[in-house]
């Protein structure tokens, strides 16, 4: 095995220490990284603990699925619209730009950005809503993609990421825009597990969460910056036009990114929090509201999810729960999931108090990990004569 010499390792450490000395005093230091579980792994001379997190995320099985999980517009054959894999890269780029200007830890920013949507369902937030309803009816638990991202990375795959990265992923989404983003206290691993468990049973608790690092706050805001304008751009690409207000941050994707990014940097330099000018805060809030009212709620956008995806997902969920209860190893949930060595070991050999693996939990895990195409294919495989199959219509490239 190739190894660096002790002299080379000392030189690298000196280089990294020099770079970190330029951090803001409010940045997260690499030495402060805390892994969720005890690890005997020796320090890596080429990577910080947060860079190791990024490598573990980007090389995990679920990361690949993001290339076929659409953001908003699922039933279109069009390579130009955003998928989860490209969205997380956009978030990372925006967050790294802000983080570099503010002197923050870019390795931590990248890890949170790359991992924040790893647990997202097929068919975007509509799929998330449908799966949550099924989960609650069966097990009195709520499904949220950010919570599932942590479950997937830390328990299903047992990647043992740092608390800082997992906390940033868990706390990355918010229902509202804020003028000020201020970090909370960093939880211990046990406290973090308790936070995670509460998200399953307390519907409103998730809205109270705040990232414990300034880097996490940057990703949280960058996520919103990344999708508001890009969703509009995707809609226009598909010929869906809406009359959006022209605000101080503009109404086009490029203008929204540039103006909000510039504003948050100007207002946050040398401070232990992020903030926006009041007029930028109001404009961003309006843009987000208009996306919901003028895009996401359009009948032609919602109808396929409500009328077709929802009943399909219920049939799959019920079927998988039944297959698990009777241990049907011919079922796809066994052949392509539970009987795969990686998942079998992490479910049944590495389980702990925080790794619930009841039939409803496993069915949710399997469905949440599906891509849009696999979801449709497995439904047709299990229910070939179901009339729901005929209700799926894609707008083609030449339609």
Foldseek 3Di string as FASTA:
>chain_A
DDDDDPVVLVVLVVVVVVLLVQAFPQADDLVPWAWLDDDPDDDDSVDGLLLLLQVLLCPDPLLVLQVQAAAFFNFADDPPADTRNVLLVQLLVLLLVLCVLQRYDSSLLNSLSSQQQSLFFHNHVLRQVLLQVLLCVVPVWGGDRLLRSLCVCCFQQNVRGTQLSNLLSLLQEAPAFDQKAAADARDRSVVVLVLSVVVTNPVCSSNVRGRNGQSSVSSSVSSLLRCLQSVQVNCVVVVQHDDADQAPQGRHSVSSSVVQSVQQSVQPHSHNITGGDPRNSVNSRSSVVCCVVRPNPPCVSCVCSVPQVSVLLSVQLVVQLVCVVVVPCVQCLNVVPCVPVSSVCSQPVVDDPSRDDHSNVSSSSVRSSHRPVVSLVSSCVVCVPDCSNVVRHHHYPVD
